[in-house]
Amino acid sequence: LRTARPMAQDKKLKDAIHNKLVETGEYDRLKELLRQRLVESQWRDSLKQYTMDLIKKKGGDTPFTVEQLTHEITPQGRETVPDDVKSELLAEIRRFVEGLDSSVQAGVES
């Protein structure tokens, strides 16, 4: 079982992992991997079609602002990312954290 940690500690851990990912260039590699997997899974095409349908349905004479459109499609985009894509990315992040040497891990975990 995972012990409960204060939210501040979770945020600190996430921030530390994110910083290490960016520092090592791994963040960009993972971002590209995610982009490729979303294209391969047809997620991108599906979300594009959802967006076009939304614009036709709700757009009418008043066009959406970028902010409004983003607000409308973000929940759909997040909900429809394939589970295997999420799992693969999470496994890559775990592998990265496990591969850090112990002194770096201590900094990530503290």
N, C-alpha and C. Protein backbone atom coordinates (compact mmCIF):
# COMPACT_ATOMS: atom_id res chain seq x y z
N LEU A 1 0.82 -1.20 0.00
CA LEU A 1 0.00 0.00 0.00
C LEU A 1 0.86 1.25 0.00
N ARG A 2 0.39 2.22 -0.69
CA ARG A 2 1.08 3.51 -0.73
C ARG A 2 0.65 4.32 0.48
N THR A 3 1.63 4.83 1.18
CA THR A 3 1.29 5.65 2.34
C THR A 3 0.87 7.03 1.86
N ALA A 4 -0.05 7.61 2.58
CA ALA A 4 -0.52 8.94 2.21
C ALA A 4 0.59 9.96 2.46
N ARG A 5 0.76 10.84 1.49
CA ARG A 5 1.73 11.92 1.62
C ARG A 5 0.98 13.22 1.51
N PRO A 6 1.47 14.22 2.17
CA PRO A 6 0.83 15.53 2.01
C PRO A 6 0.91 15.98 0.55
N MET A 7 -0.08 16.73 0.12
CA MET A 7 -0.12 17.20 -1.27
C MET A 7 1.12 18.01 -1.63
N ALA A 8 1.62 18.79 -0.69
CA ALA A 8 2.81 19.60 -0.96
C ALA A 8 4.01 18.71 -1.28
N GLN A 9 4.11 17.57 -0.59
CA GLN A 9 5.21 16.64 -0.84
C GLN A 9 5.05 16.00 -2.22
N ASP A 10 3.82 15.65 -2.60
CA ASP A 10 3.57 15.10 -3.93
C ASP A 10 3.97 16.11 -5.01
N LYS A 11 3.60 17.36 -4.83
CA LYS A 11 3.94 18.39 -5.80
C LYS A 11 5.45 18.56 -5.89
N LYS A 12 6.12 18.53 -4.76
CA LYS A 12 7.58 18.66 -4.75
C LYS A 12 8.22 17.51 -5.52
N LEU A 13 7.71 16.30 -5.33
CA LEU A 13 8.23 15.13 -6.03
C LEU A 13 7.98 15.26 -7.54
N LYS A 14 6.77 15.62 -7.91
CA LYS A 14 6.45 15.81 -9.34
C LYS A 14 7.35 16.86 -9.97
N ASP A 15 7.53 17.97 -9.25
CA ASP A 15 8.38 19.05 -9.77
C ASP A 15 9.83 18.58 -9.94
N ALA A 16 10.33 17.81 -8.97
CA ALA A 16 11.71 17.33 -9.04
C ALA A 16 11.88 16.36 -10.22
N ILE A 17 10.91 15.47 -10.41
CA ILE A 17 10.99 14.53 -11.54
C ILE A 17 10.93 15.31 -12.85
N HIS A 18 10.02 16.25 -12.93
CA HIS A 18 9.89 17.06 -14.14
C HIS A 18 11.21 17.78 -14.45
N ASN A 19 11.81 18.37 -13.43
CA ASN A 19 13.08 19.08 -13.63
C ASN A 19 14.16 18.14 -14.15
N LYS A 20 14.25 16.93 -13.60
CA LYS A 20 15.26 15.96 -14.06
C LYS A 20 14.97 15.53 -15.50
N LEU A 21 13.70 15.35 -15.82
CA LEU A 21 13.34 14.99 -17.19
C LEU A 21 13.78 16.08 -18.16
N VAL A 22 13.55 17.33 -17.81
CA VAL A 22 13.92 18.45 -18.67
C VAL A 22 15.44 18.57 -18.77
N GLU A 23 16.12 18.49 -17.63
CA GLU A 23 17.59 18.64 -17.61
C GLU A 23 18.29 17.62 -18.49
N THR A 24 17.76 16.41 -18.52
CA THR A 24 18.42 15.33 -19.26
C THR A 24 17.95 15.22 -20.72
N GLY A 25 16.94 16.00 -21.09
CA GLY A 25 16.40 15.90 -22.44
C GLY A 25 15.36 14.80 -22.59
N GLU A 26 15.13 14.07 -21.53
CA GLU A 26 14.16 12.98 -21.56
C GLU A 26 12.74 13.51 -21.76
N TYR A 27 12.45 14.69 -21.26
CA TYR A 27 11.12 15.28 -21.40
C TYR A 27 10.76 15.43 -22.87
N ASP A 28 11.70 15.96 -23.67
CA ASP A 28 11.44 16.13 -25.10
C ASP A 28 11.26 14.79 -25.80
N ARG A 29 12.06 13.80 -25.41
CA ARG A 29 11.93 12.46 -26.02
C ARG A 29 10.55 11.87 -25.69
N LEU A 30 10.12 12.01 -24.45
CA LEU A 30 8.81 11.47 -24.06
C LEU A 30 7.67 12.22 -24.73
N LYS A 31 7.83 13.51 -24.89
CA LYS A 31 6.82 14.30 -25.57
C LYS A 31 6.67 13.85 -27.03
N GLU A 32 7.79 13.58 -27.68
CA GLU A 32 7.75 13.10 -29.06
C GLU A 32 7.16 11.70 -29.13
N LEU A 33 7.50 10.84 -28.17
CA LEU A 33 6.93 9.50 -28.11
C LEU A 33 5.40 9.58 -27.96
N LEU A 34 4.94 10.45 -27.07
CA LEU A 34 3.51 10.64 -26.89
C LEU A 34 2.85 11.11 -28.18
N ARG A 35 3.45 12.09 -28.83
CA ARG A 35 2.91 12.59 -30.10
C ARG A 35 2.78 11.48 -31.13
N GLN A 36 3.83 10.66 -31.26
CA GLN A 36 3.82 9.56 -32.22
C GLN A 36 2.71 8.55 -31.89
N ARG A 37 2.62 8.18 -30.62
CA ARG A 37 1.62 7.19 -30.22
C ARG A 37 0.19 7.70 -30.41
N LEU A 38 -0.02 8.98 -30.17
CA LEU A 38 -1.36 9.54 -30.36
C LEU A 38 -1.73 9.57 -31.84
N VAL A 39 -0.76 9.86 -32.70
CA VAL A 39 -1.02 9.82 -34.14
C VAL A 39 -1.30 8.39 -34.58
N GLU A 40 -0.45 7.44 -34.14
CA GLU A 40 -0.62 6.03 -34.52
C GLU A 40 -1.96 5.46 -34.07
N SER A 41 -2.44 5.90 -32.92
CA SER A 41 -3.68 5.35 -32.37
C SER A 41 -4.93 6.03 -32.94
N GLN A 42 -4.73 6.97 -33.86
CA GLN A 42 -5.84 7.72 -34.46
C GLN A 42 -6.50 8.70 -33.48
N TRP A 43 -5.92 8.86 -32.29
CA TRP A 43 -6.47 9.78 -31.30
C TRP A 43 -6.52 11.19 -31.85
N ARG A 44 -5.47 11.59 -32.49
CA ARG A 44 -5.37 12.95 -33.03
C ARG A 44 -6.48 13.21 -34.05
N ASP A 45 -6.66 12.26 -34.97
CA ASP A 45 -7.71 12.41 -35.98
C ASP A 45 -9.10 12.45 -35.34
N SER A 46 -9.29 11.60 -34.34
CA SER A 46 -10.57 11.54 -33.65
C SER A 46 -10.87 12.87 -32.93
N LEU A 47 -9.87 13.43 -32.26
CA LEU A 47 -10.07 14.70 -31.56
C LEU A 47 -10.28 15.84 -32.56
N LYS A 48 -9.61 15.76 -33.67
CA LYS A 48 -9.79 16.78 -34.71
C LYS A 48 -11.23 16.74 -35.23
N GLN A 49 -11.74 15.53 -35.45
CA GLN A 49 -13.12 15.39 -35.92
C GLN A 49 -14.10 15.89 -34.87
N TYR A 50 -13.84 15.55 -33.60
CA TYR A 50 -14.68 16.02 -32.49
C TYR A 50 -14.70 17.55 -32.48
N THR A 51 -13.55 18.17 -32.67
CA THR A 51 -13.44 19.63 -32.67
C THR A 51 -14.21 20.23 -33.83
N MET A 52 -14.07 19.66 -35.00
CA MET A 52 -14.79 20.17 -36.17
C MET A 52 -16.30 20.06 -35.97
N ASP A 53 -16.75 18.92 -35.43
CA ASP A 53 -18.17 18.73 -35.16
C ASP A 53 -18.67 19.75 -34.13
N LEU A 54 -17.87 20.00 -33.12
CA LEU A 54 -18.22 20.96 -32.07
C LEU A 54 -18.35 22.36 -32.67
N ILE A 55 -17.44 22.73 -33.53
CA ILE A 55 -17.49 24.05 -34.16
C ILE A 55 -18.75 24.17 -35.02
N LYS A 56 -19.07 23.13 -35.77
CA LYS A 56 -20.28 23.16 -36.61
C LYS A 56 -21.54 23.24 -35.76
N LYS A 57 -21.54 22.47 -34.67
CA LYS A 57 -22.72 22.40 -33.81
C LYS A 57 -22.94 23.68 -33.02
N LYS A 58 -21.89 24.20 -32.40
CA LYS A 58 -22.02 25.34 -31.50
C LYS A 58 -21.54 26.65 -32.08
N GLY A 59 -20.78 26.59 -33.14
CA GLY A 59 -20.15 27.79 -33.68
C GLY A 59 -21.13 28.82 -34.20
N GLY A 60 -22.04 28.39 -35.05
CA GLY A 60 -23.00 29.33 -35.61
C GLY A 60 -22.33 30.55 -36.18
N ASP A 61 -22.92 31.71 -35.89
CA ASP A 61 -22.38 32.96 -36.40
C ASP A 61 -21.29 33.53 -35.51
N THR A 62 -21.19 33.02 -34.28
CA THR A 62 -20.19 33.52 -33.34
C THR A 62 -19.05 32.52 -33.22
N PRO A 63 -17.90 32.85 -33.79
CA PRO A 63 -16.78 31.89 -33.71
C PRO A 63 -16.25 31.74 -32.28
N PHE A 64 -15.70 30.58 -32.01
CA PHE A 64 -15.05 30.31 -30.72
C PHE A 64 -13.76 31.09 -30.62
N THR A 65 -13.42 31.50 -29.42
CA THR A 65 -12.06 32.00 -29.20
C THR A 65 -11.19 30.75 -28.98
N VAL A 66 -9.90 30.91 -29.07
CA VAL A 66 -8.99 29.79 -28.82
C VAL A 66 -9.20 29.26 -27.40
N GLU A 67 -9.36 30.18 -26.44
CA GLU A 67 -9.56 29.78 -25.05
C GLU A 67 -10.85 28.97 -24.88
N GLN A 68 -11.93 29.41 -25.51
CA GLN A 68 -13.20 28.69 -25.41
C GLN A 68 -13.08 27.30 -26.03
N LEU A 69 -12.46 27.24 -27.18
CA LEU A 69 -12.31 25.95 -27.86
C LEU A 69 -11.45 25.01 -27.03
N THR A 70 -10.36 25.51 -26.49
CA THR A 70 -9.50 24.70 -25.64
C THR A 70 -10.26 24.20 -24.43
N HIS A 71 -11.04 25.07 -23.81
CA HIS A 71 -11.85 24.68 -22.65
C HIS A 71 -12.85 23.58 -23.00
N GLU A 72 -13.41 23.65 -24.19
CA GLU A 72 -14.40 22.66 -24.63
C GLU A 72 -13.79 21.30 -24.96
N ILE A 73 -12.62 21.29 -25.61
CA ILE A 73 -12.08 20.02 -26.10
C ILE A 73 -11.12 19.32 -25.15
N THR A 74 -10.55 20.05 -24.18
CA THR A 74 -9.57 19.45 -23.27
C THR A 74 -10.11 18.23 -22.53
N PRO A 75 -11.30 18.31 -21.92
CA PRO A 75 -11.80 17.11 -21.22
C PRO A 75 -11.95 15.90 -22.15
N GLN A 76 -12.46 16.13 -23.35
CA GLN A 76 -12.61 15.04 -24.32
C GLN A 76 -11.26 14.47 -24.69
N GLY A 77 -10.29 15.32 -24.91
CA GLY A 77 -8.95 14.87 -25.27
C GLY A 77 -8.34 14.01 -24.18
N ARG A 78 -8.45 14.45 -22.95
CA ARG A 78 -7.87 13.69 -21.84
C ARG A 78 -8.56 12.36 -21.63
N GLU A 79 -9.87 12.35 -21.75
CA GLU A 79 -10.64 11.12 -21.52
C GLU A 79 -10.40 10.07 -22.59
N THR A 80 -10.01 10.48 -23.77
CA THR A 80 -9.92 9.53 -24.87
C THR A 80 -8.50 9.07 -25.21
N VAL A 81 -7.51 9.50 -24.45
CA VAL A 81 -6.15 8.99 -24.67
C VAL A 81 -6.18 7.49 -24.37
N PRO A 82 -5.75 6.67 -25.32
CA PRO A 82 -5.81 5.22 -25.11
C PRO A 82 -5.02 4.77 -23.87
N ASP A 83 -5.57 3.80 -23.15
CA ASP A 83 -4.94 3.30 -21.93
C ASP A 83 -3.53 2.76 -22.20
N ASP A 84 -3.33 2.11 -23.34
CA ASP A 84 -2.00 1.57 -23.62
C ASP A 84 -0.96 2.68 -23.81
N VAL A 85 -1.39 3.81 -24.34
CA VAL A 85 -0.48 4.95 -24.49
C VAL A 85 -0.12 5.51 -23.12
N LYS A 86 -1.13 5.66 -22.26
CA LYS A 86 -0.88 6.14 -20.89
C LYS A 86 0.07 5.19 -20.16
N SER A 87 -0.18 3.89 -20.28
CA SER A 87 0.65 2.89 -19.60
C SER A 87 2.09 2.92 -20.09
N GLU A 88 2.26 3.04 -21.40
CA GLU A 88 3.62 3.08 -21.96
C GLU A 88 4.38 4.30 -21.46
N LEU A 89 3.74 5.45 -21.44
CA LEU A 89 4.40 6.65 -20.97
C LEU A 89 4.75 6.56 -19.50
N LEU A 90 3.84 6.05 -18.70
CA LEU A 90 4.09 5.88 -17.27
C LEU A 90 5.26 4.92 -17.04
N ALA A 91 5.31 3.84 -17.81
CA ALA A 91 6.42 2.88 -17.69
C ALA A 91 7.75 3.54 -18.05
N GLU A 92 7.74 4.38 -19.07
CA GLU A 92 8.97 5.09 -19.47
C GLU A 92 9.43 6.04 -18.36
N ILE A 93 8.49 6.73 -17.73
CA ILE A 93 8.84 7.64 -16.64
C ILE A 93 9.39 6.86 -15.45
N ARG A 94 8.75 5.74 -15.12
CA ARG A 94 9.24 4.90 -14.02
C ARG A 94 10.65 4.41 -14.30
N ARG A 95 10.88 3.94 -15.53
CA ARG A 95 12.21 3.47 -15.91
C ARG A 95 13.25 4.58 -15.76
N PHE A 96 12.87 5.78 -16.15
CA PHE A 96 13.77 6.92 -16.04
C PHE A 96 14.12 7.19 -14.57
N VAL A 97 13.10 7.24 -13.71
CA VAL A 97 13.34 7.51 -12.29
C VAL A 97 14.17 6.40 -11.66
N GLU A 98 13.88 5.15 -12.00
CA GLU A 98 14.64 4.03 -11.46
C GLU A 98 16.08 4.03 -11.96
N GLY A 99 16.31 4.60 -13.12
CA GLY A 99 17.65 4.64 -13.70
C GLY A 99 18.53 5.75 -13.16
N LEU A 100 17.95 6.67 -12.42
CA LEU A 100 18.75 7.74 -11.83
C LEU A 100 19.65 7.15 -10.77
N ASP A 101 20.88 7.66 -10.65
CA ASP A 101 21.75 7.14 -9.60
C ASP A 101 21.19 7.54 -8.23
N SER A 102 21.62 6.87 -7.19
CA SER A 102 21.02 7.03 -5.86
C SER A 102 21.12 8.45 -5.33
N SER A 103 22.19 9.18 -5.64
CA SER A 103 22.29 10.55 -5.14
C SER A 103 21.25 11.45 -5.80
N VAL A 104 21.00 11.20 -7.09
CA VAL A 104 19.98 11.97 -7.79
C VAL A 104 18.59 11.56 -7.30
N GLN A 105 18.37 10.26 -7.11
CA GLN A 105 17.08 9.80 -6.60
C GLN A 105 16.78 10.40 -5.25
N ALA A 106 17.77 10.52 -4.40
CA ALA A 106 17.57 11.12 -3.09
C ALA A 106 17.08 12.55 -3.23
N GLY A 107 17.64 13.27 -4.19
CA GLY A 107 17.18 14.63 -4.42
C GLY A 107 15.78 14.69 -4.97
N VAL A 108 15.40 13.71 -5.78
CA VAL A 108 14.07 13.64 -6.33
C VAL A 108 13.07 13.28 -5.24
N GLU A 109 13.47 12.40 -4.34
CA GLU A 109 12.55 11.89 -3.33
C GLU A 109 12.47 12.77 -2.09
N SER A 110 13.41 13.67 -1.90
CA SER A 110 13.38 14.48 -0.68
C SER A 110 12.50 15.70 -0.84
